[in-house]
Amino acid sequence: MSGSVRHLYVHMPFCAHRCGYCDFVTVVGRQGEHGSYVDALLAELELERPLLAPEVDTVFVGGGTPTFTEPDELRRLLLALPAAAEVTVEANPETVTPELASLLHDAGVNRVSLGAQTFDPELLSVLERRAGPDDVRRAFYHLRDASFDNISLDLIYGIPGQSPAALDADIDEALALGPEHLSCYELEAKPGTRFTYGHGEELRRQADALEDYFERVVGRLTQAGYRWYETANFCRPSEGAGGRDLRAQHNLAYWLGRDYVGVGIGAVSTVLGKRWRNTPRLPAYTASLARSRRPPRELEELSTDVLQRERVMLGLRLDEPLPVAGVAPVLDTDALERLQRLELVARGRGGSEGESLTLTPRGRLLGGGVTAELLA
C-alpha cells in the first residue's frame, strides 16, 4: 500500500572543506566513500518508499555540497530518485562547470540553489568560502546555458566586517544576475563553531545592525519587484514568470506543516505525528543499510500542542493567511488583541477557511518576537 507523503529530502554530506560558521552534518572529502554512501541512500529510500505517495511533489537534495559528490555517483543517485514537479539541488559555485550543469539538467533537476553568500572577496574570505565573485557569476551562467530557468541565490548578511554599503553592493550584484529566487539569511554562527571563537566580538557588534540590514534587504528586493513571501525568501511574482509559482515549493511544504521523508545522515522526517532524525555518523549509517536495516535514529512523538505551535511559528513566516481553525488552543487571545492594536497582526474573517491571521509588514520585520507573544 502506498503512503501519502509527497515531499522527499536527500542529504549529501560531502564538502571540500568545512566553513567555520557551519554546523550542518558534513563530511570533508572522502571521495572513496561517495559510492558506498549512495548505495546506502538508495537502500534507505527503498525501505521508506512505502511512506511516499505514488507521485511526489518535491525532491530536495541538500548538504553538505551535493555537487562536490563524484559526478558518476551524483548522476546515479539523481536518476534513481522519484520524479517530481520540483527537483532542487544545492550547489557551491566553484563546483559548477558546464559539464556539471548539463549532468544536473539531464538527470531531471529543474531547480538549483546556488550558495553565493556574498560577492565581496574579503567577506568570502571571512566566511572561508572557496568561491570568488567571478566563480559565482560563472556558475550562474553555466546553469543558464544548461537551460535552467529556476535558479535561487543564497546571500548572507551580518558578516564580520560587512558594511551597509557592502550589503547594498551584494544586492546589486544579485539583482544584476536576475535569479528567479533569493534566500537572504542573517549570519548565524552557532556556539561552539570555530567562527564564534575567531569573530565573537565583531559578531556581537554586527548583532546591533542586523535589524537595519534586514529592513534594507526587504526594501531593496521588494522595490525590485520580488515577492517577500517568507521571512528570508523572495521570488519573482507569478504574473512575471509565465504564471509559474516560483516560491521554493519544498521549503513551503515545511512552512505549511506538511509531512516529509528525509534520507541520509542527520536527515529528519516528520510523518503522521512522529519525527525521527538519522544518526549523523557516516560509518553507523552505511553499516546499518549495508545489512538492509534502518540507520540508528532518535524518535520523537509529536503532541497536538507541539504540532499546533509549530504550525503557528512556521505559518506566520509566510505572507499568506494562517487559518485559525486547528491552532486556536495555542493562541493567547489577550496578546492577539494587543498585537492587533499595535498593528503588528491582522485578522481576516470569512472565506472557506474561516478566521485567519497574518503579520503586518511591520510585524513581519519584527518576526519571531511577535509570534512568540501570540503563543499561549
Protein backbone atom coordinates (compact mmCIF):
# COMPACT_ATOMS: atom_id res chain seq x y z
CA MET A 1 0.00 0.00 0.00
CA SER A 2 1.34 3.44 -0.91
CA GLY A 3 1.73 6.21 1.62
CA SER A 4 0.72 9.83 1.38
CA VAL A 5 3.96 11.77 1.87
CA ARG A 6 4.69 13.98 -1.13
CA HIS A 7 7.98 15.62 -0.13
CA LEU A 8 11.42 13.97 -0.05
CA TYR A 9 14.69 15.36 1.31
CA VAL A 10 18.03 13.72 0.43
CA HIS A 11 21.16 14.64 2.39
CA MET A 12 24.54 14.63 0.63
CA PRO A 13 27.09 15.48 3.34
CA PHE A 14 30.34 15.69 1.38
CA CYS A 15 32.24 19.00 1.18
CA ALA A 16 35.69 20.07 0.01
CA HIS A 17 36.19 21.71 3.41
CA ARG A 18 34.09 22.82 6.37
CA CYS A 19 33.36 26.55 6.65
CA GLY A 20 33.95 27.95 10.13
CA TYR A 21 30.35 29.05 10.72
CA CYS A 22 28.77 25.77 9.54
CA ASP A 23 27.07 23.40 11.97
CA PHE A 24 25.34 21.19 9.39
CA VAL A 25 26.03 17.46 9.17
CA THR A 26 29.00 17.42 6.79
CA VAL A 27 31.92 15.16 5.92
CA VAL A 28 35.12 16.57 4.38
CA GLY A 29 36.47 14.84 1.27
CA ARG A 30 36.05 11.04 1.45
CA GLN A 31 35.76 10.68 -2.35
CA GLY A 32 36.37 6.97 -1.93
CA GLU A 33 33.19 6.67 0.15
CA HIS A 34 30.80 8.52 -2.16
CA GLY A 35 29.72 5.33 -3.91
CA SER A 36 29.01 3.39 -0.71
CA TYR A 37 27.06 6.36 0.63
CA VAL A 38 24.87 6.50 -2.48
CA ASP A 39 24.31 2.74 -2.08
CA ALA A 40 23.15 3.38 1.49
CA LEU A 41 20.91 6.28 0.47
CA LEU A 42 19.17 4.21 -2.16
CA ALA A 43 18.75 1.34 0.31
CA GLU A 44 17.15 3.70 2.84
CA LEU A 45 14.94 5.19 0.17
CA GLU A 46 13.72 1.71 -0.72
CA LEU A 47 12.92 0.99 2.94
CA GLU A 48 10.96 4.26 3.26
CA ARG A 49 9.27 4.14 -0.14
CA PRO A 50 6.01 2.78 1.38
CA LEU A 51 5.64 6.14 3.16
CA LEU A 52 5.78 8.07 -0.12
CA ALA A 53 2.81 8.77 -2.36
CA PRO A 54 2.88 7.19 -5.83
CA GLU A 55 3.71 10.67 -7.15
CA VAL A 56 5.74 13.10 -5.04
CA ASP A 57 5.59 16.87 -5.42
CA THR A 58 9.11 17.89 -4.42
CA VAL A 59 12.59 16.42 -4.04
CA PHE A 60 15.35 18.46 -2.41
CA VAL A 61 18.98 17.32 -2.47
CA GLY A 62 20.85 19.29 0.17
CA GLY A 63 24.07 19.10 2.11
CA GLY A 64 26.91 19.48 2.56
CA THR A 65 27.71 20.24 -1.05
CA PRO A 66 25.78 17.79 -3.24
CA THR A 67 27.67 18.98 -6.33
CA PHE A 68 31.00 18.04 -4.70
CA THR A 69 29.89 14.40 -4.92
CA GLU A 70 31.75 12.32 -7.53
CA PRO A 71 29.86 13.02 -10.80
CA ASP A 72 29.10 9.39 -11.65
CA GLU A 73 27.71 8.79 -8.17
CA LEU A 74 25.70 12.00 -8.22
CA ARG A 75 24.21 11.03 -11.59
CA ARG A 76 23.39 7.52 -10.29
CA LEU A 77 21.61 8.99 -7.30
CA LEU A 78 19.63 11.59 -9.24
CA LEU A 79 18.42 9.07 -11.83
CA ALA A 80 17.17 6.79 -9.04
CA LEU A 81 15.12 9.47 -7.26
CA PRO A 82 11.37 9.72 -7.89
CA ALA A 83 10.29 12.26 -10.50
CA ALA A 84 8.71 15.38 -9.06
CA ALA A 85 7.35 18.73 -10.22
CA GLU A 86 10.21 20.45 -8.37
CA VAL A 87 13.62 18.77 -8.03
CA THR A 88 16.16 21.05 -6.34
CA VAL A 89 19.89 20.51 -5.86
CA GLU A 90 22.10 22.74 -3.72
CA ALA A 91 25.39 23.77 -5.33
CA ASN A 92 28.52 25.68 -4.36
CA PRO A 93 29.70 27.96 -7.18
CA GLU A 94 33.21 26.53 -7.51
CA THR A 95 31.77 23.08 -8.28
CA VAL A 96 29.55 24.21 -11.17
CA THR A 97 31.15 23.54 -14.54
CA PRO A 98 29.34 23.32 -17.88
CA GLU A 99 29.56 19.53 -17.56
CA LEU A 100 28.09 19.53 -14.05
CA ALA A 101 25.26 21.86 -15.10
CA SER A 102 24.41 19.55 -18.00
CA LEU A 103 24.57 16.50 -15.73
CA LEU A 104 22.02 18.05 -13.37
CA HIS A 105 19.68 19.08 -16.16
CA ASP A 106 19.89 15.74 -17.96
CA ALA A 107 19.21 13.87 -14.69
CA GLY A 108 15.90 15.65 -14.15
CA VAL A 109 16.88 18.51 -11.83
CA ASN A 110 14.84 21.62 -12.63
CA ARG A 111 15.87 23.98 -9.81
CA VAL A 112 19.31 24.83 -8.41
CA SER A 113 20.04 26.65 -5.16
CA LEU A 114 23.42 28.36 -5.54
CA GLY A 115 25.31 29.33 -2.39
CA ALA A 116 26.72 32.73 -3.32
CA GLN A 117 26.66 34.15 0.26
CA THR A 118 28.41 37.40 -0.79
CA PHE A 119 30.18 38.89 -3.82
CA ASP A 120 32.81 40.66 -1.69
CA PRO A 121 36.20 38.86 -1.86
CA GLU A 122 37.22 39.91 1.65
CA LEU A 123 33.92 38.79 3.15
CA LEU A 124 34.09 35.49 1.26
CA SER A 125 37.49 35.00 2.90
CA VAL A 126 35.99 35.76 6.32
CA LEU A 127 33.35 33.09 5.66
CA GLU A 128 36.11 30.69 4.49
CA ARG A 129 34.34 30.19 1.18
CA ARG A 130 36.34 28.68 -1.67
CA ALA A 131 34.49 30.54 -4.46
CA GLY A 132 35.28 34.07 -5.57
CA PRO A 133 32.80 36.56 -7.05
CA ASP A 134 33.67 35.51 -10.60
CA ASP A 135 33.02 31.87 -9.69
CA VAL A 136 29.51 32.82 -8.59
CA ARG A 137 28.79 34.62 -11.84
CA ARG A 138 30.30 31.85 -13.96
CA ALA A 139 28.29 29.19 -12.12
CA PHE A 140 25.09 31.14 -12.64
CA TYR A 141 25.68 31.48 -16.38
CA HIS A 142 26.73 27.82 -16.73
CA LEU A 143 23.33 26.93 -15.25
CA ARG A 144 21.56 29.32 -17.59
CA ASP A 145 23.44 27.84 -20.57
CA ALA A 146 22.22 24.41 -19.46
CA SER A 147 18.62 25.71 -19.74
CA PHE A 148 17.91 26.19 -16.03
CA ASP A 149 15.12 28.75 -15.69
CA ASN A 150 14.65 28.40 -11.92
CA ILE A 151 17.77 29.41 -10.01
CA SER A 152 17.91 30.52 -6.39
CA LEU A 153 20.79 32.52 -4.91
CA ASP A 154 21.69 32.41 -1.21
CA LEU A 155 23.03 35.60 0.38
CA ILE A 156 24.21 36.14 3.97
CA TYR A 157 24.21 39.45 5.84
CA GLY A 158 25.74 40.40 9.17
CA ILE A 159 29.16 39.05 8.19
CA PRO A 160 32.02 40.39 10.36
CA GLY A 161 33.39 43.44 8.58
CA GLN A 162 30.32 43.92 6.35
CA SER A 163 29.09 47.49 5.99
CA PRO A 164 25.68 48.67 4.77
CA ALA A 165 27.37 49.72 1.52
CA ALA A 166 28.81 46.23 1.10
CA LEU A 167 25.36 44.71 1.63
CA ASP A 168 23.91 47.06 -0.97
CA ALA A 169 26.66 46.03 -3.39
CA ASP A 170 25.80 42.35 -2.83
CA ILE A 171 22.14 43.04 -3.57
CA ASP A 172 23.12 44.99 -6.70
CA GLU A 173 25.20 42.02 -7.91
CA ALA A 174 22.38 39.57 -7.24
CA LEU A 175 19.79 41.70 -8.99
CA ALA A 176 22.08 42.09 -11.99
CA LEU A 177 22.06 38.30 -12.41
CA GLY A 178 18.27 38.21 -12.15
CA PRO A 179 17.62 34.89 -10.35
CA GLU A 180 14.08 33.63 -10.00
CA HIS A 181 14.52 33.28 -6.24
CA LEU A 182 16.66 34.77 -3.47
CA SER A 183 17.22 33.49 0.06
CA CYS A 184 18.76 36.12 2.34
CA TYR A 185 19.86 34.89 5.73
CA GLU A 186 21.20 36.58 8.81
CA LEU A 187 24.58 35.06 9.65
CA GLU A 188 24.03 32.63 12.49
CA ALA A 189 27.28 31.40 13.98
CA LYS A 190 26.31 28.67 16.40
CA PRO A 191 28.07 28.39 19.77
CA GLY A 192 30.99 26.01 19.60
CA THR A 193 31.86 26.66 15.95
CA ARG A 194 35.36 27.99 15.37
CA PHE A 195 33.76 31.06 13.77
CA THR A 196 32.45 32.23 17.15
CA TYR A 197 35.94 31.94 18.62
CA GLY A 198 37.58 33.89 15.82
CA HIS A 199 34.93 36.57 15.30
CA GLY A 200 32.93 36.67 18.53
CA GLU A 201 33.45 40.36 19.30
CA GLU A 202 32.67 41.51 15.75
CA LEU A 203 29.60 39.24 15.66
CA ARG A 204 28.33 40.97 18.80
CA ARG A 205 28.83 44.37 17.17
CA GLN A 206 27.09 43.23 13.98
CA ALA A 207 24.10 41.99 16.00
CA ASP A 208 23.15 45.61 16.68
CA ALA A 209 22.96 46.30 12.93
CA LEU A 210 21.02 43.18 11.88
CA GLU A 211 17.57 44.74 12.16
CA ASP A 212 18.64 47.57 9.84
CA TYR A 213 20.25 45.10 7.43
CA PHE A 214 17.06 43.00 7.37
CA GLU A 215 14.94 46.05 6.54
CA ARG A 216 17.45 47.03 3.86
CA VAL A 217 17.23 43.58 2.23
CA VAL A 218 13.43 43.57 2.29
CA GLY A 219 13.19 47.13 0.97
CA ARG A 220 15.66 46.65 -1.86
CA LEU A 221 14.26 43.33 -3.10
CA THR A 222 10.58 44.27 -2.90
CA GLN A 223 11.36 47.55 -4.68
CA ALA A 224 13.00 45.47 -7.42
CA GLY A 225 9.75 43.54 -7.86
CA TYR A 226 10.44 40.40 -5.83
CA ARG A 227 7.69 38.94 -3.66
CA TRP A 228 8.64 38.76 0.02
CA TYR A 229 6.75 35.53 0.57
CA GLU A 230 8.62 34.20 3.63
CA THR A 231 10.75 35.87 6.27
CA ALA A 232 14.07 35.20 4.48
CA ASN A 233 12.84 34.28 1.00
CA PHE A 234 11.93 36.24 -2.11
CA CYS A 235 10.78 35.21 -5.57
CA ARG A 236 9.68 36.70 -8.83
CA PRO A 237 5.89 37.11 -8.81
CA SER A 238 3.91 34.57 -10.82
CA GLU A 239 2.50 37.17 -13.20
CA GLY A 240 6.04 37.98 -14.28
CA ALA A 241 7.07 34.33 -14.56
CA GLY A 242 4.62 32.99 -17.10
CA GLY A 243 2.18 32.05 -14.35
CA ARG A 244 4.73 29.83 -12.55
CA ASP A 245 4.78 29.79 -8.77
CA LEU A 246 8.48 30.39 -8.08
CA ARG A 247 8.30 30.01 -4.33
CA ALA A 248 10.55 27.21 -3.04
CA GLN A 249 7.89 24.51 -3.08
CA HIS A 250 9.84 22.04 -0.95
CA ASN A 251 10.51 24.54 1.82
CA LEU A 252 6.95 25.80 1.51
CA ALA A 253 5.82 22.29 2.47
CA TYR A 254 7.78 22.62 5.74
CA TRP A 255 6.30 26.04 6.48
CA LEU A 256 2.79 24.76 5.80
CA GLY A 257 3.23 21.82 8.15
CA ARG A 258 3.22 19.08 5.50
CA ASP A 259 4.72 15.65 6.18
CA TYR A 260 8.11 14.85 4.63
CA VAL A 261 10.60 12.00 4.47
CA GLY A 262 14.33 12.62 4.84
CA VAL A 263 17.07 10.14 3.92
CA GLY A 264 20.80 10.36 4.61
CA ILE A 265 22.93 11.04 7.68
CA GLY A 266 21.35 13.58 10.01
CA ALA A 267 18.20 13.72 7.87
CA VAL A 268 14.88 14.44 9.60
CA SER A 269 11.45 13.01 8.75
CA THR A 270 8.05 14.09 10.05
CA VAL A 271 5.21 11.68 9.28
CA LEU A 272 1.82 11.23 10.94
CA GLY A 273 2.74 12.93 14.20
CA LYS A 274 6.16 11.29 14.55
CA ARG A 275 9.56 12.83 13.91
CA TRP A 276 12.83 10.97 13.60
CA ARG A 277 16.41 12.02 12.95
CA ASN A 278 19.00 9.71 11.45
CA THR A 279 22.38 9.25 13.06
CA PRO A 280 24.89 11.91 11.94
CA ARG A 281 27.67 9.29 11.94
CA LEU A 282 28.60 8.08 8.46
CA PRO A 283 30.04 4.65 9.45
CA ALA A 284 26.98 3.74 11.54
CA TYR A 285 24.66 4.86 8.75
CA THR A 286 26.32 2.91 5.94
CA ALA A 287 26.91 -0.19 8.09
CA SER A 288 23.22 -0.45 9.02
CA LEU A 289 21.98 -0.03 5.48
CA ALA A 290 24.54 -2.47 4.10
CA ARG A 291 22.58 -5.01 6.18
CA SER A 292 19.26 -3.64 4.86
CA ARG A 293 18.45 -2.19 8.27
CA ARG A 294 17.27 1.32 9.01
CA PRO A 295 20.02 3.51 10.48
CA PRO A 296 20.11 4.38 14.20
CA ARG A 297 17.55 7.13 14.86
CA GLU A 298 16.16 9.43 17.51
CA LEU A 299 12.35 9.20 17.54
CA GLU A 300 10.01 11.86 18.89
CA GLU A 301 6.24 11.56 19.28
CA LEU A 302 4.75 14.97 18.46
CA SER A 303 1.84 16.04 20.62
CA THR A 304 -1.07 18.01 19.20
CA ASP A 305 0.18 21.01 21.21
CA VAL A 306 3.66 20.83 19.63
CA LEU A 307 2.24 20.47 16.12
CA GLN A 308 -0.09 23.44 16.60
CA ARG A 309 2.72 25.63 17.96
CA GLU A 310 4.97 24.70 15.05
CA ARG A 311 2.15 25.48 12.65
CA VAL A 312 1.84 28.99 14.10
CA MET A 313 5.58 29.66 14.26
CA LEU A 314 6.21 28.50 10.70
CA GLY A 315 2.93 29.61 9.13
CA LEU A 316 3.29 33.21 10.28
CA ARG A 317 6.62 33.43 8.46
CA LEU A 318 4.60 33.46 5.23
CA ASP A 319 2.83 36.31 3.50
CA GLU A 320 -0.39 34.30 3.21
CA PRO A 321 -3.09 33.99 5.90
CA LEU A 322 -2.78 31.32 8.58
CA PRO A 323 -6.18 29.69 9.25
CA VAL A 324 -7.03 29.94 12.95
CA ALA A 325 -9.03 26.70 12.84
CA GLY A 326 -6.86 24.00 14.34
CA VAL A 327 -4.42 26.30 16.15
CA ALA A 328 -6.79 28.33 18.36
CA PRO A 329 -5.90 26.37 21.55
CA VAL A 330 -2.29 27.63 21.48
CA LEU A 331 -3.11 31.30 20.80
CA ASP A 332 -3.10 33.90 23.58
CA THR A 333 -6.27 35.88 22.87
CA ASP A 334 -5.22 38.83 25.06
CA ALA A 335 -1.88 39.04 23.27
CA LEU A 336 -3.65 38.78 19.91
CA GLU A 337 -5.87 41.77 20.70
CA ARG A 338 -2.88 43.78 21.94
CA LEU A 339 -0.83 42.98 18.83
CA GLN A 340 -3.78 43.94 16.65
CA ARG A 341 -3.99 47.33 18.37
CA LEU A 342 -0.26 47.77 17.74
CA GLU A 343 -0.89 46.92 14.05
CA LEU A 344 1.53 44.02 14.15
CA VAL A 345 -1.07 41.32 13.44
CA ALA A 346 -4.07 41.44 11.08
CA ARG A 347 -7.14 39.23 11.35
CA GLY A 348 -9.16 38.09 8.38
CA ARG A 349 -12.71 36.83 8.60
CA GLY A 350 -14.95 34.73 6.42
CA GLY A 351 -13.96 32.73 3.38
CA SER A 352 -13.80 28.98 3.03
CA GLU A 353 -11.24 28.57 5.87
CA GLY A 354 -12.88 30.93 8.37
CA GLU A 355 -10.85 33.31 10.52
CA SER A 356 -7.18 33.79 9.68
CA LEU A 357 -4.09 35.65 10.89
CA THR A 358 -1.22 37.36 9.11
CA LEU A 359 1.60 39.52 10.36
CA THR A 360 1.53 43.06 9.02
CA PRO A 361 4.65 44.27 7.17
CA ARG A 362 5.87 45.87 10.41
CA GLY A 363 5.05 42.68 12.30
CA ARG A 364 7.00 40.64 9.77
CA LEU A 365 10.06 42.81 10.25
CA LEU A 366 9.88 42.10 13.98
CA GLY A 367 9.22 38.44 13.12
CA GLY A 368 9.74 35.80 15.75
CA GLY A 369 9.21 38.14 18.69
CA VAL A 370 5.64 38.86 17.60
CA THR A 371 4.92 35.19 17.00
CA ALA A 372 6.31 34.24 20.41
CA GLU A 373 3.94 36.71 22.09
CA LEU A 374 0.98 35.20 20.27
CA LEU A 375 1.56 31.74 21.70
CA ALA A 376 -0.22 30.97 24.98
